[in-house]
Structures are given as C-alpha cells and as structure tokens.
Amino acid sequence: MLLYPNLDDLLSKVDNKFTLVTLAAKRARKINSLLSSDYRQGLEALAPAKKRLKVYKPLDIALEEIVEGKVTYKRLKNEVK
C-alpha cells in the first residue's frame, strides 16, 4: 500500500492511473540508468532534502518528483488524416 506520496495527490497531477504508471516508470528508469553508470552519489542528491535516505529507490524518487511538479507530461493530439 502506498502511504506517501498519497495516491490522491499523485492522481491530481495526471489525468488517469495509466498515465501515472507510465510517467513514474519512465522517470524511474531514467533515474536507474543514471545510477547504474558511474553516478552512485546521484541517488542521494535526487532524494528530497528532507528525506536524504541511502536506501531511496528510483520509483520513490520518481513519485516524489511527480507530486512536487518536477516531472510533468504533455498529451499529444492524434491527427487523423
């Protein structure tokens, strides 16, 4: 069960749950790829200042960034010809 960030807070930033999952997964993968290269100290740097934990997981960081508005998305229009 997700305690923090609150699911309602997360859903207020996106239009549906599918978008939330996709957005969080893409950001977490990007964070993970940064960390798997020689960027190990970046995990603590990306973690929120109030919660500098060494066991922070990329998905936790991604969800926190979505709530804070640091990660957003833009819905593209499908043009039908």
Foldseek 3Di string as FASTA:
>chain_A
DDDPPDPVLLCVLDPDVVVSVVQLVVQLVVVVVCCVPPNVVVVQVLDDPVDSDSPDHSSNSSSVCSSVVVGHDDDDDDDDD
